[in-house]
Amino acid sequence: MLPNAITAAALCSGLTGIRFAVSGEWKLAVIAIILAGVLDGIDGRIARLLRAQSRFGAELDSLADNVSFGVAPALILFMWALQDLPRIGWFAGLAFAVCMALRLARFNAQIDVDEQPHKSAGFLTGVPAPVGAGLAFLPVYFWLETGIDAFRNPIYLAIWLGLIAFLLISNMATLSWSSIRPRRNIRLEFLALVGIAFGGGILLEPWWTL
């Protein structure tokens, strides 16, 4: 139950991001999607820790990911800038959301497939869903940090979203974080260093760090 509850919380966080965008609270909208990504990153680990993995949980996770990292970012970015270019902007948002759904469907279809060259080599096929959402929000991070309106240009944003959509469904091998396994004698130090660096970055320059 606990892993599925965390997945449901991630879904709620993604939907809440849309609510913040409707109110024009862009910083909170982005934070909500980031929170969804954090929750998505721990639900599977907790399921494995508790030995509570199930096909139901896997399907629920993909459905939540499609909303939090596909539908929600598309709507948030449309309200943030793409609506100034109604037709092309909406098409870019649709392309991103559809490609996110295709990427997740491909992942689900390959769960029981034994021969996956990229996976066996420690890689994933295409950009993962949370990473795709994070990349899609890159112009928002820069805009929040610098206030430069060029990052909010709907033409540039539409092109950027199209590129991310392509990367989601591509066959490009991308690094899997689960394949990074430091030696046991340096694992604690490695995690501590990463945690300190990330925490310091969040406190000093949050949007550049993200």
C-alpha atoms as a PDB file:
ATOM      1  CA  MET A   1       0.000   0.000   0.000  1.00  0.00           C
ATOM      2  CA  LEU A   2       2.768   2.472   0.900  1.00  0.00           C
ATOM      3  CA  PRO A   3       4.473   2.493  -2.540  1.00  0.00           C
ATOM      4  CA  ASN A   4       1.115   3.002  -4.279  1.00  0.00           C
ATOM      5  CA  ALA A   5       0.247   5.800  -1.843  1.00  0.00           C
ATOM      6  CA  ILE A   6       3.514   7.543  -2.743  1.00  0.00           C
ATOM      7  CA  THR A   7       2.713   7.118  -6.439  1.00  0.00           C
ATOM      8  CA  ALA A   8      -0.724   8.630  -5.842  1.00  0.00           C
ATOM      9  CA  ALA A   9       0.923  11.531  -4.008  1.00  0.00           C
ATOM     10  CA  ALA A  10       3.179  12.078  -7.039  1.00  0.00           C
ATOM     11  CA  LEU A  11       0.083  12.185  -9.247  1.00  0.00           C
ATOM     12  CA  CYS A  12      -1.553  14.714  -6.926  1.00  0.00           C
ATOM     13  CA  SER A  13       1.598  16.825  -6.990  1.00  0.00           C
ATOM     14  CA  GLY A  14       1.599  16.880 -10.797  1.00  0.00           C
ATOM     15  CA  LEU A  15      -2.054  17.910 -10.904  1.00  0.00           C
ATOM     16  CA  THR A  16      -1.403  20.581  -8.273  1.00  0.00           C
ATOM     17  CA  GLY A  17       1.252  22.003 -10.590  1.00  0.00           C
ATOM     18  CA  ILE A  18      -1.502  22.665 -13.131  1.00  0.00           C
ATOM     19  CA  ARG A  19      -3.572  24.392 -10.467  1.00  0.00           C
ATOM     20  CA  PHE A  20      -0.658  26.701  -9.611  1.00  0.00           C
ATOM     21  CA  ALA A  21      -0.134  27.469 -13.307  1.00  0.00           C
ATOM     22  CA  VAL A  22      -3.781  28.477 -13.669  1.00  0.00           C
ATOM     23  CA  SER A  23      -3.140  31.022 -10.903  1.00  0.00           C
ATOM     24  CA  GLY A  24       0.065  32.211 -12.567  1.00  0.00           C
ATOM     25  CA  GLU A  25       2.226  30.919  -9.711  1.00  0.00           C
ATOM     26  CA  TRP A  26       4.996  29.612 -11.951  1.00  0.00           C
ATOM     27  CA  LYS A  27       7.565  28.945  -9.253  1.00  0.00           C
ATOM     28  CA  LEU A  28       5.129  26.812  -7.263  1.00  0.00           C
ATOM     29  CA  ALA A  29       4.020  25.041 -10.447  1.00  0.00           C
ATOM     30  CA  VAL A  30       7.596  24.005 -11.196  1.00  0.00           C
ATOM     31  CA  ILE A  31       8.212  22.984  -7.581  1.00  0.00           C
ATOM     32  CA  ALA A  32       5.110  20.772  -7.701  1.00  0.00           C
ATOM     33  CA  ILE A  33       6.461  18.916 -10.742  1.00  0.00           C
ATOM     34  CA  ILE A  34       9.875  18.579  -9.082  1.00  0.00           C
ATOM     35  CA  LEU A  35       8.176  17.119  -6.002  1.00  0.00           C
ATOM     36  CA  ALA A  36       6.372  14.649  -8.263  1.00  0.00           C
ATOM     37  CA  GLY A  37       9.765  13.631  -9.635  1.00  0.00           C
ATOM     38  CA  VAL A  38      11.172  13.109  -6.141  1.00  0.00           C
ATOM     39  CA  LEU A  39       8.203  10.958  -5.148  1.00  0.00           C
ATOM     40  CA  ASP A  40       8.465   9.020  -8.404  1.00  0.00           C
ATOM     41  CA  GLY A  41      12.096   8.333  -7.606  1.00  0.00           C
ATOM     42  CA  ILE A  42      11.378   6.746  -4.232  1.00  0.00           C
ATOM     43  CA  ASP A  43       8.155   4.777  -4.753  1.00  0.00           C
ATOM     44  CA  GLY A  44       9.872   1.996  -6.693  1.00  0.00           C
ATOM     45  CA  ARG A  45      12.764   1.805  -4.237  1.00  0.00           C
ATOM     46  CA  ILE A  46      10.384   1.524  -1.303  1.00  0.00           C
ATOM     47  CA  ALA A  47       8.419  -1.169  -3.151  1.00  0.00           C
ATOM     48  CA  ARG A  48      11.625  -3.179  -3.644  1.00  0.00           C
ATOM     49  CA  LEU A  49      12.671  -2.591  -0.041  1.00  0.00           C
ATOM     50  CA  LEU A  50       9.313  -3.865   1.231  1.00  0.00           C
ATOM     51  CA  ARG A  51       9.172  -6.563  -1.464  1.00  0.00           C
ATOM     52  CA  ALA A  52       5.845  -5.120  -2.518  1.00  0.00           C
ATOM     53  CA  GLN A  53       6.411  -4.897  -6.281  1.00  0.00           C
ATOM     54  CA  SER A  54       3.327  -5.639  -8.357  1.00  0.00           C
ATOM     55  CA  ARG A  55       2.133  -5.208 -11.912  1.00  0.00           C
ATOM     56  CA  PHE A  56      -0.645  -2.995 -10.561  1.00  0.00           C
ATOM     57  CA  GLY A  57       1.938  -0.707  -8.991  1.00  0.00           C
ATOM     58  CA  ALA A  58       3.944  -0.572 -12.212  1.00  0.00           C
ATOM     59  CA  GLU A  59       0.877   0.377 -14.255  1.00  0.00           C
ATOM     60  CA  LEU A  60      -0.220   2.979 -11.694  1.00  0.00           C
ATOM     61  CA  ASP A  61       3.286   4.446 -11.741  1.00  0.00           C
ATOM     62  CA  SER A  62       3.215   4.843 -15.527  1.00  0.00           C
ATOM     63  CA  LEU A  63      -0.226   6.445 -15.477  1.00  0.00           C
ATOM     64  CA  ALA A  64       0.906   8.883 -12.784  1.00  0.00           C
ATOM     65  CA  ASP A  65       4.090   9.619 -14.749  1.00  0.00           C
ATOM     66  CA  ASN A  66       2.088  10.370 -17.880  1.00  0.00           C
ATOM     67  CA  VAL A  67       0.063  12.988 -16.022  1.00  0.00           C
ATOM     68  CA  SER A  68       2.862  14.484 -13.904  1.00  0.00           C
ATOM     69  CA  PHE A  69       5.594  14.501 -16.557  1.00  0.00           C
ATOM     70  CA  GLY A  70       3.597  14.636 -19.786  1.00  0.00           C
ATOM     71  CA  VAL A  71       0.196  16.282 -19.475  1.00  0.00           C
ATOM     72  CA  ALA A  72       0.997  18.665 -16.602  1.00  0.00           C
ATOM     73  CA  PRO A  73       4.220  20.120 -18.101  1.00  0.00           C
ATOM     74  CA  ALA A  74       2.521  20.553 -21.487  1.00  0.00           C
ATOM     75  CA  LEU A  75      -0.343  22.528 -19.931  1.00  0.00           C
ATOM     76  CA  ILE A  76       1.919  24.532 -17.620  1.00  0.00           C
ATOM     77  CA  LEU A  77       4.251  25.520 -20.457  1.00  0.00           C
ATOM     78  CA  PHE A  78       1.309  26.397 -22.692  1.00  0.00           C
ATOM     79  CA  MET A  79      -0.097  28.734 -20.047  1.00  0.00           C
ATOM     80  CA  TRP A  80       3.380  30.119 -19.287  1.00  0.00           C
ATOM     81  CA  ALA A  81       4.375  31.080 -22.834  1.00  0.00           C
ATOM     82  CA  LEU A  82       3.087  28.879 -25.647  1.00  0.00           C
ATOM     83  CA  GLN A  83      -0.411  30.400 -25.611  1.00  0.00           C
ATOM     84  CA  ASP A  84       1.109  33.483 -27.247  1.00  0.00           C
ATOM     85  CA  LEU A  85       1.523  31.254 -30.295  1.00  0.00           C
ATOM     86  CA  PRO A  86      -1.844  29.441 -30.042  1.00  0.00           C
ATOM     87  CA  ARG A  87      -1.715  26.904 -32.878  1.00  0.00           C
ATOM     88  CA  ILE A  88       1.973  26.041 -32.986  1.00  0.00           C
ATOM     89  CA  GLY A  89       2.254  26.323 -29.213  1.00  0.00           C
ATOM     90  CA  TRP A  90      -0.641  23.950 -28.624  1.00  0.00           C
ATOM     91  CA  PHE A  91       0.738  21.521 -31.198  1.00  0.00           C
ATOM     92  CA  ALA A  92       4.125  21.554 -29.431  1.00  0.00           C
ATOM     93  CA  GLY A  93       2.432  20.813 -26.113  1.00  0.00           C
ATOM     94  CA  LEU A  94       0.419  17.986 -27.656  1.00  0.00           C
ATOM     95  CA  ALA A  95       3.529  16.526 -29.287  1.00  0.00           C
ATOM     96  CA  PHE A  96       5.350  16.521 -25.965  1.00  0.00           C
ATOM     97  CA  ALA A  97       2.442  14.901 -24.083  1.00  0.00           C
ATOM     98  CA  VAL A  98       1.875  12.251 -26.768  1.00  0.00           C
ATOM     99  CA  CYS A  99       5.577  11.384 -26.996  1.00  0.00           C
ATOM    100  CA  MET A 100       5.698  11.070 -23.217  1.00  0.00           C
ATOM    101  CA  ALA A 101       2.794   8.599 -23.373  1.00  0.00           C
ATOM    102  CA  LEU A 102       4.543   6.654 -26.154  1.00  0.00           C
ATOM    103  CA  ARG A 103       7.780   6.553 -24.170  1.00  0.00           C
ATOM    104  CA  LEU A 104       5.988   5.163 -21.108  1.00  0.00           C
ATOM    105  CA  ALA A 105       4.000   2.668 -23.199  1.00  0.00           C
ATOM    106  CA  ARG A 106       7.243   1.392 -24.746  1.00  0.00           C
ATOM    107  CA  PHE A 107       8.753   1.034 -21.286  1.00  0.00           C
ATOM    108  CA  ASN A 108       5.754  -0.989 -20.064  1.00  0.00           C
ATOM    109  CA  ALA A 109       5.771  -3.189 -23.158  1.00  0.00           C
ATOM    110  CA  GLN A 110       9.436  -4.055 -22.548  1.00  0.00           C
ATOM    111  CA  ILE A 111       9.130  -4.902 -18.852  1.00  0.00           C
ATOM    112  CA  ASP A 112       8.970  -8.644 -19.532  1.00  0.00           C
ATOM    113  CA  VAL A 113      11.315  -8.617 -22.537  1.00  0.00           C
ATOM    114  CA  ASP A 114      14.591 -10.378 -21.765  1.00  0.00           C
ATOM    115  CA  GLU A 115      16.691  -9.028 -24.630  1.00  0.00           C
ATOM    116  CA  GLN A 116      17.246  -5.316 -24.005  1.00  0.00           C
ATOM    117  CA  PRO A 117      20.819  -4.413 -25.058  1.00  0.00           C
ATOM    118  CA  HIS A 118      20.705  -0.920 -23.549  1.00  0.00           C
ATOM    119  CA  LYS A 119      19.357  -2.155 -20.221  1.00  0.00           C
ATOM    120  CA  SER A 120      21.888  -4.972 -19.952  1.00  0.00           C
ATOM    121  CA  ALA A 121      24.663  -2.427 -20.501  1.00  0.00           C
ATOM    122  CA  GLY A 122      23.337  -0.178 -17.727  1.00  0.00           C
ATOM    123  CA  PHE A 123      21.489   2.249 -19.989  1.00  0.00           C
ATOM    124  CA  LEU A 124      17.898   3.201 -20.785  1.00  0.00           C
ATOM    125  CA  THR A 125      16.319   3.648 -24.203  1.00  0.00           C
ATOM    126  CA  GLY A 126      15.371   7.274 -24.751  1.00  0.00           C
ATOM    127  CA  VAL A 127      15.195  10.040 -22.175  1.00  0.00           C
ATOM    128  CA  PRO A 128      13.363   8.924 -18.981  1.00  0.00           C
ATOM    129  CA  ALA A 129      10.026  10.584 -18.205  1.00  0.00           C
ATOM    130  CA  PRO A 130      11.111  12.679 -15.168  1.00  0.00           C
ATOM    131  CA  VAL A 131      14.260  13.823 -16.971  1.00  0.00           C
ATOM    132  CA  GLY A 132      12.187  14.771 -20.016  1.00  0.00           C
ATOM    133  CA  ALA A 133       9.918  16.913 -17.859  1.00  0.00           C
ATOM    134  CA  GLY A 134      12.921  18.501 -16.169  1.00  0.00           C
ATOM    135  CA  LEU A 135      14.493  19.352 -19.521  1.00  0.00           C
ATOM    136  CA  ALA A 136      11.200  20.775 -20.788  1.00  0.00           C
ATOM    137  CA  PHE A 137      11.184  23.187 -17.843  1.00  0.00           C
ATOM    138  CA  LEU A 138      14.766  24.323 -18.450  1.00  0.00           C
ATOM    139  CA  PRO A 139      13.671  27.663 -20.009  1.00  0.00           C
ATOM    140  CA  VAL A 140      11.450  28.267 -16.965  1.00  0.00           C
ATOM    141  CA  TYR A 141      14.381  27.671 -14.599  1.00  0.00           C
ATOM    142  CA  PHE A 142      16.506  30.181 -16.506  1.00  0.00           C
ATOM    143  CA  TRP A 143      13.659  32.705 -16.614  1.00  0.00           C
ATOM    144  CA  LEU A 144      13.021  32.399 -12.880  1.00  0.00           C
ATOM    145  CA  GLU A 145      16.730  32.831 -12.164  1.00  0.00           C
ATOM    146  CA  THR A 146      17.522  35.655 -14.597  1.00  0.00           C
ATOM    147  CA  GLY A 147      14.203  37.307 -15.456  1.00  0.00           C
ATOM    148  CA  ILE A 148      15.283  37.443 -19.121  1.00  0.00           C
ATOM    149  CA  ASP A 149      12.147  37.367 -21.286  1.00  0.00           C
ATOM    150  CA  ALA A 150      13.984  35.672 -24.172  1.00  0.00           C
ATOM    151  CA  PHE A 151      13.612  32.387 -22.287  1.00  0.00           C
ATOM    152  CA  ARG A 152       9.833  32.893 -22.487  1.00  0.00           C
ATOM    153  CA  ASN A 153       9.808  33.259 -26.281  1.00  0.00           C
ATOM    154  CA  PRO A 154       7.064  30.896 -27.534  1.00  0.00           C
ATOM    155  CA  ILE A 155       8.872  30.080 -30.791  1.00  0.00           C
ATOM    156  CA  TYR A 156      12.052  29.008 -29.013  1.00  0.00           C
ATOM    157  CA  LEU A 157      10.031  27.099 -26.428  1.00  0.00           C
ATOM    158  CA  ALA A 158       8.023  25.253 -29.101  1.00  0.00           C
ATOM    159  CA  ILE A 159      11.232  24.184 -30.846  1.00  0.00           C
ATOM    160  CA  TRP A 160      12.728  23.119 -27.521  1.00  0.00           C
ATOM    161  CA  LEU A 161       9.656  21.044 -26.631  1.00  0.00           C
ATOM    162  CA  GLY A 162       9.762  19.386 -30.044  1.00  0.00           C
ATOM    163  CA  LEU A 163      13.383  18.392 -29.447  1.00  0.00           C
ATOM    164  CA  ILE A 164      12.600  16.920 -26.025  1.00  0.00           C
ATOM    165  CA  ALA A 165       9.606  15.061 -27.494  1.00  0.00           C
ATOM    166  CA  PHE A 166      11.914  13.473 -30.067  1.00  0.00           C
ATOM    167  CA  LEU A 167      14.435  12.457 -27.394  1.00  0.00           C
ATOM    168  CA  LEU A 168      11.666  10.789 -25.380  1.00  0.00           C
ATOM    169  CA  ILE A 169      10.797   8.356 -28.172  1.00  0.00           C
ATOM    170  CA  SER A 170      14.275   8.002 -29.646  1.00  0.00           C
ATOM    171  CA  ASN A 171      16.367   4.837 -29.408  1.00  0.00           C
ATOM    172  CA  MET A 172      19.244   6.817 -27.938  1.00  0.00           C
ATOM    173  CA  ALA A 173      20.964   5.134 -24.998  1.00  0.00           C
ATOM    174  CA  THR A 174      20.785   7.263 -21.856  1.00  0.00           C
ATOM    175  CA  LEU A 175      22.561   6.636 -18.571  1.00  0.00           C
ATOM    176  CA  SER A 176      20.573   4.857 -15.876  1.00  0.00           C
ATOM    177  CA  TRP A 177      21.229   6.176 -12.368  1.00  0.00           C
ATOM    178  CA  SER A 178      20.746   2.657 -11.015  1.00  0.00           C
ATOM    179  CA  SER A 179      23.845   1.573 -12.954  1.00  0.00           C
ATOM    180  CA  ILE A 180      26.058   4.005 -11.002  1.00  0.00           C
ATOM    181  CA  ARG A 181      27.360   1.892  -8.148  1.00  0.00           C
ATOM    182  CA  PRO A 182      30.341   3.309  -6.245  1.00  0.00           C
ATOM    183  CA  ARG A 183      32.537   0.832  -4.395  1.00  0.00           C
ATOM    184  CA  ARG A 184      31.193   0.036  -0.940  1.00  0.00           C
ATOM    185  CA  ASN A 185      34.121   1.632   0.831  1.00  0.00           C
ATOM    186  CA  ILE A 186      33.417   5.008  -0.806  1.00  0.00           C
ATOM    187  CA  ARG A 187      29.628   4.789  -1.196  1.00  0.00           C
ATOM    188  CA  LEU A 188      28.801   6.728   1.979  1.00  0.00           C
ATOM    189  CA  GLU A 189      31.352   9.428   1.193  1.00  0.00           C
ATOM    190  CA  PHE A 190      30.104   9.668  -2.384  1.00  0.00           C
ATOM    191  CA  LEU A 191      26.475  10.048  -1.328  1.00  0.00           C
ATOM    192  CA  ALA A 192      27.410  12.582   1.346  1.00  0.00           C
ATOM    193  CA  LEU A 193      29.400  14.653  -1.153  1.00  0.00           C
ATOM    194  CA  VAL A 194      26.572  14.630  -3.685  1.00  0.00           C
ATOM    195  CA  GLY A 195      24.037  15.503  -0.993  1.00  0.00           C
ATOM    196  CA  ILE A 196      26.103  18.395   0.360  1.00  0.00           C
ATOM    197  CA  ALA A 197      26.791  19.764  -3.120  1.00  0.00           C
ATOM    198  CA  PHE A 198      23.134  19.537  -4.127  1.00  0.00           C
ATOM    199  CA  GLY A 199      21.884  20.982  -0.839  1.00  0.00           C
ATOM    200  CA  GLY A 200      24.320  23.874  -1.052  1.00  0.00           C
ATOM    201  CA  GLY A 201      23.317  24.550  -4.633  1.00  0.00           C
ATOM    202  CA  ILE A 202      19.619  24.559  -3.732  1.00  0.00           C
ATOM    203  CA  LEU A 203      20.227  27.081  -0.942  1.00  0.00           C
ATOM    204  CA  LEU A 204      22.483  29.392  -2.949  1.00  0.00           C
ATOM    205  CA  GLU A 205      21.267  29.107  -6.559  1.00  0.00           C
ATOM    206  CA  PRO A 206      18.139  26.908  -6.621  1.00  0.00           C
ATOM    207  CA  TRP A 207      17.122  27.277 -10.276  1.00  0.00           C
ATOM    208  CA  TRP A 208      20.641  26.927 -11.685  1.00  0.00           C
ATOM    209  CA  THR A 209      21.096  23.820  -9.515  1.00  0.00           C
ATOM    210  CA  LEU A 210      17.859  22.266 -10.758  1.00  0.00           C
END
